[in-house]
N, C-alpha and C. Protein backbone atom coordinates (compact mmCIF):
# COMPACT_ATOMS: atom_id res chain seq x y z
N MET A 1 -29.05 19.93 -4.05
CA MET A 1 -27.80 19.96 -3.12
C MET A 1 -26.88 20.85 -4.38
N THR A 2 -25.95 21.94 -3.78
CA THR A 2 -25.62 23.33 -4.38
C THR A 2 -24.38 22.83 -4.84
N PHE A 3 -23.21 23.55 -5.72
CA PHE A 3 -22.88 22.85 -6.72
C PHE A 3 -21.13 22.35 -5.99
N SER A 4 -20.58 23.23 -4.61
CA SER A 4 -20.00 23.09 -4.66
C SER A 4 -20.43 21.55 -3.03
N SER A 5 -21.80 21.46 -2.51
CA SER A 5 -21.94 19.57 -2.31
C SER A 5 -21.15 18.69 -3.55
N LYS A 6 -22.41 19.03 -4.65
CA LYS A 6 -21.52 17.76 -5.71
C LYS A 6 -20.67 17.47 -5.83
N PHE A 7 -19.70 19.15 -6.02
CA PHE A 7 -17.84 19.02 -6.65
C PHE A 7 -17.70 17.86 -5.83
N ALA A 8 -18.02 18.90 -4.10
CA ALA A 8 -16.96 18.05 -3.06
C ALA A 8 -17.12 16.30 -3.36
N LEU A 9 -18.50 15.61 -3.46
CA LEU A 9 -19.45 14.39 -3.28
C LEU A 9 -18.12 13.58 -4.80
N THR A 10 -17.63 14.98 -5.32
CA THR A 10 -17.77 14.24 -7.47
C THR A 10 -15.66 14.39 -6.47
N VAL A 11 -15.82 15.30 -6.21
CA VAL A 11 -13.72 14.14 -5.99
C VAL A 11 -14.00 13.60 -4.99
N ALA A 12 -14.57 13.36 -3.99
CA ALA A 12 -14.65 12.61 -2.83
C ALA A 12 -14.43 10.96 -3.95
N LEU A 13 -15.67 11.08 -4.93
CA LEU A 13 -15.86 10.07 -5.83
C LEU A 13 -14.60 9.27 -6.72
N VAL A 14 -13.91 10.68 -7.11
CA VAL A 14 -12.91 10.58 -7.72
C VAL A 14 -12.30 9.86 -6.83
N LEU A 15 -11.84 10.29 -5.20
CA LEU A 15 -10.51 10.12 -5.33
C LEU A 15 -10.52 8.88 -4.51
N THR A 16 -12.02 8.24 -3.91
CA THR A 16 -11.79 7.03 -3.27
C THR A 16 -12.20 5.97 -4.66
N MET A 17 -12.29 6.63 -6.04
CA MET A 17 -12.49 5.26 -7.06
C MET A 17 -10.89 5.22 -7.17
N ALA A 18 -9.63 6.21 -7.30
CA ALA A 18 -8.24 5.75 -7.64
C ALA A 18 -7.50 5.78 -6.50
N LEU A 19 -8.29 5.29 -5.26
CA LEU A 19 -7.60 5.06 -3.80
C LEU A 19 -7.85 3.86 -3.21
N THR A 20 -8.48 3.45 -4.32
CA THR A 20 -9.43 2.29 -4.02
C THR A 20 -8.26 0.99 -2.87
N PHE A 21 -7.72 1.03 -3.18
CA PHE A 21 -6.39 -0.39 -2.77
C PHE A 21 -5.66 0.09 -2.20
N SER A 22 -5.61 1.26 -1.56
CA SER A 22 -4.65 2.14 -1.00
C SER A 22 -4.85 2.08 0.71
N CYS A 23 -6.22 1.36 0.98
CA CYS A 23 -6.60 0.90 2.52
C CYS A 23 -6.17 -0.28 2.32
N SER A 24 -5.62 -0.69 1.08
CA SER A 24 -4.51 -2.30 1.63
C SER A 24 -3.85 -2.77 1.44
N SER A 25 -2.77 -1.23 1.55
CA SER A 25 -1.74 -1.47 0.78
C SER A 25 -0.21 -0.53 2.61
N PRO A 26 0.61 -0.18 2.93
CA PRO A 26 0.70 -0.18 3.77
C PRO A 26 0.86 1.22 3.06
N GLY A 27 0.95 2.16 4.93
CA GLY A 27 0.88 3.66 4.26
C GLY A 27 1.83 4.57 5.24
N GLY A 28 2.69 4.71 6.40
CA GLY A 28 2.93 5.15 7.54
C GLY A 28 4.49 5.17 8.22
N GLY A 29 4.78 5.70 8.69
CA GLY A 29 4.90 6.22 10.33
C GLY A 29 6.93 6.23 10.44
N GLY A 30 7.88 6.95 10.48
CA GLY A 30 9.29 6.47 11.22
C GLY A 30 9.74 7.16 9.70
N ASN A 31 11.36 7.69 9.95
CA ASN A 31 11.85 8.32 9.45
C ASN A 31 12.96 7.67 9.07
N GLY A 32 13.21 6.13 8.41
CA GLY A 32 14.00 5.06 7.93
C GLY A 32 14.36 4.41 8.47
N GLY A 33 15.25 3.49 8.78
CA GLY A 33 15.74 3.08 9.81
C GLY A 33 15.43 1.67 9.70
N GLY A 34 15.04 1.18 8.58
CA GLY A 34 13.91 -0.01 8.33
C GLY A 34 15.75 -1.05 8.33
N GLY A 35 15.34 -2.87 9.27
CA GLY A 35 16.62 -3.62 9.55
C GLY A 35 16.66 -3.91 7.63
N SER A 36 18.39 -4.12 7.64
CA SER A 36 18.27 -4.47 5.94
C SER A 36 17.60 -6.10 5.92
N SER A 37 17.71 -6.72 6.84
CA SER A 37 17.16 -8.04 6.12
C SER A 37 15.61 -8.10 5.68
N LEU A 38 15.23 -6.44 5.71
CA LEU A 38 13.79 -6.85 5.84
C LEU A 38 14.14 -6.20 4.28
N ASN A 39 15.45 -5.41 3.62
CA ASN A 39 14.99 -5.04 1.97
C ASN A 39 15.05 -6.51 1.33
N GLY A 40 13.94 -5.48 -0.16
CA GLY A 40 13.49 -6.53 -0.89
C GLY A 40 12.49 -7.06 -1.77
N THR A 41 11.46 -7.28 -2.66
CA THR A 41 10.57 -7.39 -2.45
C THR A 41 9.46 -8.28 -1.91
N TRP A 42 8.62 -7.67 -1.69
CA TRP A 42 7.31 -7.97 -1.32
C TRP A 42 5.46 -8.62 -1.57
N LYS A 43 5.02 -9.08 -1.86
CA LYS A 43 4.06 -9.84 -2.99
C LYS A 43 3.27 -9.89 -2.44
N SER A 44 1.90 -9.09 -2.57
CA SER A 44 0.25 -9.63 -2.80
C SER A 44 0.11 -10.60 -3.96
N ASN A 45 -1.31 -11.30 -3.29
CA ASN A 45 -2.29 -12.24 -4.29
C ASN A 45 -3.04 -10.82 -4.84
N GLU A 46 -2.42 -9.84 -4.55
CA GLU A 46 -4.09 -9.06 -4.84
C GLU A 46 -3.14 -8.00 -6.12
N GLY A 47 -1.53 -8.30 -6.43
CA GLY A 47 -1.28 -7.71 -7.23
C GLY A 47 -0.68 -6.04 -6.93
N MET A 48 -0.08 -6.01 -5.54
CA MET A 48 0.76 -5.35 -4.81
C MET A 48 1.82 -5.81 -4.55
N ASP A 49 2.43 -4.95 -4.60
CA ASP A 49 4.23 -4.95 -4.51
C ASP A 49 4.90 -3.85 -3.30
N ILE A 50 5.29 -4.38 -2.80
CA ILE A 50 5.98 -3.36 -1.71
C ILE A 50 7.72 -3.68 -1.87
N LYS A 51 8.09 -2.61 -1.99
CA LYS A 51 9.53 -2.95 -1.98
C LYS A 51 10.57 -1.99 -0.68
N LEU A 52 11.13 -2.69 0.06
CA LEU A 52 12.02 -2.52 1.18
C LEU A 52 13.55 -2.59 0.96
N ASN A 53 13.49 -0.18 1.27
CA ASN A 53 15.20 -0.65 0.90
C ASN A 53 15.60 0.19 2.36
N ASN A 54 16.29 -0.36 3.23
CA ASN A 54 17.16 0.30 4.10
C ASN A 54 16.62 1.87 4.45
N GLY A 55 15.00 0.92 4.82
CA GLY A 55 13.99 2.40 5.56
C GLY A 55 13.15 3.08 4.58
N SER A 56 13.16 2.66 3.25
CA SER A 56 12.59 3.37 2.12
C SER A 56 12.07 2.36 1.56
N PHE A 57 10.86 2.45 1.19
CA PHE A 57 9.30 1.40 0.72
C PHE A 57 8.79 2.61 -0.66
N GLU A 58 8.47 1.56 -1.80
CA GLU A 58 7.65 1.80 -2.92
C GLU A 58 6.45 1.15 -2.86
N VAL A 59 5.39 1.01 -3.38
CA VAL A 59 4.04 0.11 -2.85
C VAL A 59 3.40 0.79 -4.83
N LEU A 60 3.78 -0.67 -5.59
CA LEU A 60 3.74 -1.20 -6.74
C LEU A 60 2.45 -1.69 -6.86
N PHE A 61 1.65 -0.97 -7.66
CA PHE A 61 -0.23 -1.51 -7.43
C PHE A 61 -0.40 -2.35 -9.28
N ASP A 62 0.17 -4.16 -9.35
CA ASP A 62 0.07 -4.37 -10.68
C ASP A 62 0.87 -3.72 -11.93
N ASN A 63 1.85 -3.69 -10.83
CA ASN A 63 3.66 -3.11 -11.37
C ASN A 63 3.83 -1.65 -11.83
N LYS A 64 2.40 -0.70 -10.75
CA LYS A 64 2.77 0.52 -11.71
C LYS A 64 2.97 1.24 -11.14
N ALA A 65 3.80 1.98 -10.23
CA ALA A 65 4.26 2.89 -9.57
C ALA A 65 2.45 3.36 -8.03
N GLY A 66 2.87 3.61 -7.46
CA GLY A 66 1.69 4.17 -6.70
C GLY A 66 1.89 4.70 -5.39
N LEU A 67 2.70 4.26 -4.15
CA LEU A 67 2.71 4.94 -2.79
C LEU A 67 4.51 4.99 -3.04
N ARG A 68 4.66 6.24 -2.16
CA ARG A 68 6.21 5.62 -1.55
C ARG A 68 6.46 6.64 -0.12
N GLY A 69 7.66 5.60 1.08
CA GLY A 69 7.85 6.85 2.41
C GLY A 69 8.75 6.09 1.79
N THR A 70 8.66 6.35 3.93
CA THR A 70 9.75 5.47 3.98
C THR A 70 9.41 4.37 5.63
N TYR A 71 9.60 3.76 6.50
CA TYR A 71 9.03 2.34 6.61
C TYR A 71 10.06 2.44 8.24
N THR A 72 9.81 1.97 9.68
CA THR A 72 11.60 1.70 10.85
C THR A 72 10.36 0.53 11.20
N SER A 73 11.43 -0.30 11.55
CA SER A 73 10.97 -1.40 12.05
C SER A 73 11.35 -1.71 13.65
N ALA A 74 10.61 -2.62 14.37
CA ALA A 74 11.11 -2.71 15.69
C ALA A 74 10.88 -3.97 15.65
N ALA A 75 11.48 -4.25 17.13
CA ALA A 75 11.07 -5.28 17.86
C ALA A 75 11.56 -5.93 17.27
N GLY A 76 13.00 -6.64 16.51
CA GLY A 76 13.44 -7.18 16.79
C GLY A 76 13.22 -7.54 14.53
N ASN A 77 12.85 -6.51 14.07
CA ASN A 77 12.10 -6.47 13.17
C ASN A 77 11.23 -7.61 12.67
N THR A 78 10.10 -7.53 14.08
CA THR A 78 8.49 -7.86 13.63
C THR A 78 7.59 -7.38 13.54
N VAL A 79 7.99 -5.72 13.90
CA VAL A 79 6.71 -5.47 13.73
C VAL A 79 6.81 -3.70 13.18
N ILE A 80 6.76 -3.44 12.00
CA ILE A 80 7.38 -2.36 11.25
C ILE A 80 5.94 -1.43 10.24
N THR A 81 6.12 0.31 10.46
CA THR A 81 5.34 1.05 10.60
C THR A 81 5.59 1.56 9.36
N PHE A 82 4.59 1.79 8.59
CA PHE A 82 4.76 2.79 7.33
C PHE A 82 4.15 4.67 7.34
N VAL A 83 5.40 5.28 6.86
CA VAL A 83 5.21 6.68 6.24
C VAL A 83 4.53 6.58 4.06
N VAL A 84 3.44 6.73 4.16
CA VAL A 84 4.14 7.07 2.82
C VAL A 84 3.82 9.41 2.80
N LYS A 85 4.67 9.42 1.90
CA LYS A 85 5.65 10.67 1.44
C LYS A 85 4.78 10.84 0.27
N GLU A 86 4.87 10.61 -0.74
CA GLU A 86 4.76 10.50 -2.16
C GLU A 86 4.04 9.63 -2.59
N VAL A 87 2.64 9.82 -3.21
CA VAL A 87 2.15 9.49 -4.44
C VAL A 87 2.06 10.11 -6.04
N HIS A 88 1.87 8.61 -6.53
CA HIS A 88 2.31 8.71 -7.88
C HIS A 88 1.21 8.92 -9.09
N GLY A 89 0.86 9.86 -9.78
CA GLY A 89 -0.02 11.15 -10.61
C GLY A 89 -0.21 9.57 -10.87
N ASP A 90 0.22 9.31 -11.38
CA ASP A 90 -0.92 7.25 -12.79
C ASP A 90 -1.97 6.90 -11.64
N TYR A 91 -1.31 6.37 -10.64
CA TYR A 91 -2.00 7.12 -8.84
C TYR A 91 -3.39 6.34 -8.78
N LEU A 92 -3.46 8.23 -9.22
CA LEU A 92 -4.80 8.69 -8.65
C LEU A 92 -5.35 9.55 -9.67
N ASN A 93 -4.51 8.88 -10.87
CA ASN A 93 -5.99 9.41 -12.08
C ASN A 93 -6.77 8.49 -12.18
N ASP A 94 -7.67 8.85 -13.22
CA ASP A 94 -9.32 8.57 -12.84
C ASP A 94 -9.59 8.53 -14.73
N GLU A 95 -10.33 8.59 -15.59
CA GLU A 95 -10.58 9.05 -16.76
C GLU A 95 -10.63 10.50 -16.74
N ARG A 96 -10.10 11.69 -15.34
CA ARG A 96 -9.89 12.88 -15.42
C ARG A 96 -8.73 12.74 -16.28
N ALA A 97 -7.33 12.40 -15.70
CA ALA A 97 -6.46 12.30 -15.76
C ALA A 97 -6.20 13.58 -15.79
N ILE A 98 -6.20 14.61 -14.10
CA ILE A 98 -5.69 15.46 -13.40
C ILE A 98 -4.14 15.60 -13.47
N PHE A 99 -3.71 14.87 -12.89
CA PHE A 99 -2.43 14.87 -12.58
C PHE A 99 -1.28 13.92 -13.55
N GLU A 100 -0.17 14.74 -13.46
CA GLU A 100 0.79 14.38 -14.63
C GLU A 100 1.21 12.69 -13.98
N SER A 101 2.19 12.18 -15.13
CA SER A 101 2.50 10.89 -14.98
C SER A 101 4.29 11.43 -13.76
N LYS A 102 3.88 11.88 -12.31
CA LYS A 102 5.13 11.98 -11.62
C LYS A 102 4.26 12.02 -10.12
N TRP A 103 5.54 11.79 -9.20
CA TRP A 103 5.48 11.78 -7.84
C TRP A 103 5.21 13.42 -7.16
N TYR A 104 4.02 12.70 -6.07
CA TYR A 104 3.03 14.45 -5.23
C TYR A 104 3.66 14.38 -3.92
N ASN A 105 3.80 14.92 -3.49
CA ASN A 105 3.94 15.39 -1.76
C ASN A 105 2.27 15.67 -1.79
N LYS A 106 1.96 15.66 -0.42
CA LYS A 106 0.68 16.01 -0.30
C LYS A 106 0.15 17.09 -0.87
N ASN A 107 0.87 18.21 -0.18
CA ASN A 107 0.32 19.82 -0.14
C ASN A 107 0.58 19.99 -1.87
N GLN A 108 1.84 19.22 -3.37
CA GLN A 108 1.38 19.20 -4.27
C GLN A 108 -0.33 18.89 -5.13
N VAL A 109 -0.41 17.84 -4.32
CA VAL A 109 -1.18 16.82 -4.61
C VAL A 109 -3.10 18.02 -4.49
N LEU A 110 -3.10 18.89 -3.45
CA LEU A 110 -3.98 20.13 -3.14
C LEU A 110 -3.84 20.86 -4.32
N ASP A 111 -2.21 21.48 -4.54
CA ASP A 111 -2.25 22.15 -5.58
C ASP A 111 -2.84 22.14 -6.64
N VAL A 112 -2.50 20.57 -6.73
CA VAL A 112 -3.48 20.16 -8.37
C VAL A 112 -5.14 20.65 -8.23
N LEU A 113 -5.34 20.13 -7.36
CA LEU A 113 -6.70 20.08 -6.84
C LEU A 113 -7.33 21.11 -7.17
N LYS A 114 -6.56 22.39 -6.24
CA LYS A 114 -7.15 23.69 -6.34
C LYS A 114 -7.11 24.55 -7.45
N LYS A 115 -6.29 24.16 -8.51
CA LYS A 115 -7.20 24.60 -9.72
C LYS A 115 -7.04 23.90 -11.09
N TRP A 116 -7.33 22.77 -10.29
CA TRP A 116 -8.67 21.48 -10.94
C TRP A 116 -10.01 22.31 -10.27
N VAL A 117 -10.51 22.44 -9.03
CA VAL A 117 -11.27 22.81 -9.03
C VAL A 117 -12.11 24.63 -9.60
N LYS A 118 -10.59 25.29 -9.30
CA LYS A 118 -11.22 25.92 -10.45
C LYS A 118 -11.61 26.38 -11.78
N GLU A 119 -10.27 25.79 -12.26
CA GLU A 119 -10.86 25.37 -13.25
C GLU A 119 -12.54 25.49 -13.76
N LEU A 120 -12.16 24.17 -12.94
CA LEU A 120 -14.36 23.46 -12.81
C LEU A 120 -15.19 24.82 -13.08
N ASN A 121 -15.17 25.27 -11.48
CA ASN A 121 -15.92 26.43 -11.45
C ASN A 121 -15.93 27.69 -11.05
N PRO A 122 -14.60 28.49 -11.97
CA PRO A 122 -13.86 30.21 -11.67
C PRO A 122 -14.88 30.78 -11.10
N ASN A 123 -15.86 30.13 -10.42
CA ASN A 123 -17.03 31.12 -9.85
C ASN A 123 -17.55 30.95 -8.33
N LEU A 124 -16.17 30.08 -8.16
CA LEU A 124 -15.86 30.11 -7.07
C LEU A 124 -15.14 30.48 -6.34
N THR A 125 -15.63 30.92 -4.85
CA THR A 125 -14.75 32.58 -4.86
C THR A 125 -13.14 31.34 -3.65
N ASP A 126 -12.60 32.17 -3.26
CA ASP A 126 -11.20 31.83 -2.38
C ASP A 126 -11.46 31.06 -1.31
N SER A 127 -11.94 31.50 -0.44
CA SER A 127 -13.28 30.75 0.65
C SER A 127 -13.11 29.68 0.28
N GLU A 128 -13.80 29.96 -0.55
CA GLU A 128 -15.21 28.60 -0.49
C GLU A 128 -14.05 27.21 -0.78
N ILE A 129 -13.13 27.36 -1.90
CA ILE A 129 -12.14 26.94 -2.85
C ILE A 129 -11.11 26.74 -1.53
N SER A 130 -10.75 27.29 -0.36
CA SER A 130 -10.19 26.73 1.19
C SER A 130 -10.49 26.04 1.83
N ASP A 131 -12.22 25.91 1.81
CA ASP A 131 -12.53 25.54 3.16
C ASP A 131 -12.68 23.77 2.55
N TRP A 132 -12.83 23.89 1.16
CA TRP A 132 -12.88 22.89 0.48
C TRP A 132 -11.70 22.13 0.62
N LEU A 133 -10.51 22.38 -0.02
CA LEU A 133 -9.47 22.20 0.40
C LEU A 133 -8.73 21.73 1.58
N GLY A 134 -9.02 22.10 2.73
CA GLY A 134 -9.11 21.68 4.24
C GLY A 134 -9.91 20.63 4.31
N GLU A 135 -11.20 20.41 3.53
CA GLU A 135 -11.65 18.74 4.38
C GLU A 135 -10.91 17.75 3.32
N MET A 136 -10.53 18.25 1.94
CA MET A 136 -9.70 17.51 1.66
C MET A 136 -8.28 16.68 2.39
N SER A 137 -7.32 18.12 2.03
CA SER A 137 -6.86 17.74 3.38
C SER A 137 -6.80 16.95 4.66
N ALA A 138 -7.36 16.32 5.11
CA ALA A 138 -8.22 16.07 6.26
C ALA A 138 -8.16 14.50 5.47
N ALA A 139 -9.30 14.10 4.01
CA ALA A 139 -9.51 12.99 4.01
C ALA A 139 -8.31 12.57 3.57
N LEU A 140 -6.93 13.25 2.99
CA LEU A 140 -5.43 12.92 2.08
C LEU A 140 -5.12 12.34 3.19
N ASP A 141 -4.95 12.92 4.37
CA ASP A 141 -4.53 12.17 5.54
C ASP A 141 -4.92 10.44 6.31
N GLU A 142 -6.13 10.57 6.19
CA GLU A 142 -6.83 9.72 6.26
C GLU A 142 -6.16 8.02 5.02
N GLU A 143 -5.91 8.48 3.42
CA GLU A 143 -5.30 8.18 1.93
C GLU A 143 -5.30 8.68 1.91
N PRO A 144 -3.90 8.96 0.77
CA PRO A 144 -3.05 7.62 0.79
C PRO A 144 -2.08 8.01 2.43
N PHE A 145 -2.27 9.11 2.64
CA PHE A 145 -0.76 10.01 3.17
C PHE A 145 -1.08 9.50 5.09
N LYS A 146 -1.08 8.23 5.04
CA LYS A 146 -1.03 7.68 6.57
C LYS A 146 -0.40 6.95 6.54
N THR A 147 0.15 6.64 8.20
CA THR A 147 0.17 5.60 8.50
C THR A 147 0.15 4.27 9.46
N GLU A 148 0.14 3.23 8.61
CA GLU A 148 -0.33 2.06 8.68
C GLU A 148 0.70 0.89 9.14
N THR A 149 0.86 0.08 10.65
CA THR A 149 1.72 -0.84 11.37
C THR A 149 1.05 -1.93 10.73
N GLY A 150 3.12 -2.72 10.25
CA GLY A 150 2.28 -3.66 10.16
C GLY A 150 3.36 -5.31 11.46
N ILE A 151 2.75 -6.27 10.54
CA ILE A 151 3.44 -7.73 11.35
C ILE A 151 4.49 -7.88 10.54
N ILE A 152 5.52 -8.79 10.56
CA ILE A 152 6.58 -9.78 9.98
C ILE A 152 7.19 -11.22 10.51
N ASP A 153 6.25 -12.04 9.95
CA ASP A 153 6.86 -13.09 10.70
C ASP A 153 7.67 -13.43 9.63
N GLY A 154 9.13 -14.38 9.79
CA GLY A 154 9.91 -14.76 8.23
C GLY A 154 9.71 -13.74 7.15
N ASN A 155 9.10 -14.71 6.55
CA ASN A 155 8.80 -14.07 4.77
C ASN A 155 7.56 -13.65 4.59
N THR A 156 6.90 -13.68 6.43
CA THR A 156 5.44 -12.90 6.12
C THR A 156 5.00 -11.78 6.06
N MET A 157 4.36 -10.50 6.08
CA MET A 157 4.48 -9.70 7.03
C MET A 157 2.26 -9.45 6.01
N ILE A 158 2.47 -8.48 6.85
CA ILE A 158 0.88 -9.12 7.26
C ILE A 158 1.09 -7.41 7.56
N ASP A 159 0.25 -6.39 6.79
CA ASP A 159 -0.07 -5.07 6.83
C ASP A 159 -1.13 -4.83 7.94
N GLY A 160 -1.67 -2.97 8.19
CA GLY A 160 -2.59 -2.81 9.20
C GLY A 160 -3.95 -3.37 8.37
N ASP A 161 -3.94 -3.69 7.26
CA ASP A 161 -5.70 -4.09 7.35
C ASP A 161 -5.88 -5.80 7.27
N GLY A 162 -5.01 -6.35 7.01
CA GLY A 162 -5.01 -7.50 7.24
C GLY A 162 -3.98 -8.38 6.14
N ASN A 163 -3.87 -8.53 4.95
CA ASN A 163 -3.49 -8.16 3.46
C ASN A 163 -1.55 -8.94 4.37
N THR A 164 -1.89 -9.86 4.09
CA THR A 164 -0.44 -10.96 3.46
C THR A 164 0.72 -10.20 2.62
N TYR A 165 0.75 -10.58 2.49
CA TYR A 165 2.74 -10.81 1.81
C TYR A 165 4.35 -11.21 1.87
N THR A 166 3.89 -11.73 0.53
CA THR A 166 5.77 -12.77 0.79
C THR A 166 6.27 -12.37 0.29
N LYS A 167 8.00 -12.57 1.15
CA LYS A 167 8.94 -12.04 0.32
C LYS A 167 9.22 -12.68 -0.71
N THR A 168 9.88 -11.70 -2.09
CA THR A 168 10.46 -13.13 -2.24
C THR A 168 11.67 -12.65 -3.34
N THR A 169 12.05 -11.31 -3.17
CA THR A 169 13.74 -11.16 -3.26
C THR A 169 13.92 -10.35 -2.01
N GLY A 170 15.53 -10.89 -1.93
CA GLY A 170 16.19 -10.45 -0.81
C GLY A 170 16.68 -10.89 0.26
N SER A 171 17.37 -10.98 0.89
CA SER A 171 18.04 -11.63 2.00
C SER A 171 16.83 -11.81 3.25
N SER A 172 16.65 -13.27 3.32
CA SER A 172 15.65 -13.29 4.74
C SER A 172 15.54 -12.93 5.82
N GLY A 173 13.12 -12.56 5.77
CA GLY A 173 13.07 -11.31 7.47
C GLY A 173 13.51 -12.03 8.49
N ASN A 174 13.09 -11.80 9.21
CA ASN A 174 13.79 -11.88 10.82
C ASN A 174 14.22 -13.30 11.65
N GLY A 175 13.30 -14.47 10.51
CA GLY A 175 14.16 -15.88 11.03
C GLY A 175 12.66 -16.42 11.06
N GLY A 176 11.28 -15.30 11.82
CA GLY A 176 10.38 -16.57 11.81
C GLY A 176 9.80 -16.15 13.61
N SER A 177 9.03 -17.89 13.74
CA SER A 177 8.69 -16.94 14.96
C SER A 177 9.44 -18.08 15.90
């Protein structure tokens, strides 16, 4: 196995470990405009909270910043679509702690990874690093910068991965079935 493939595998494992829960978090689409009756905190039994506020959202994992972006709702607030715009560095970090404790958009995540790759192996060519970053960019589009659609029934939300959230603060949801 070459350094490039070992390195790609290492980074893929790092991101997989760091993003384990993002698969079960909402992730994606729209320019805001979610119904205000959806505003409030939605909690799962797995330690994830989704805070909705007039078309913006933030996902907390065990009360720590994770993901944020925009959401839209449709069909009388029964369908919700999320777009992750930023990921928090604390959420991305593992024991390597290469990210600062701040919010990152996708390009900023790639910039940090590029710097990290160059520090780990200064002998890699710019072309090799660019090829690897292209692969990472595609992977980031799947996790954590993805679009995900869920459904809402009253004060219950089910995300695209089947995780259930219950509204605990804010006004009532769409009124249910």
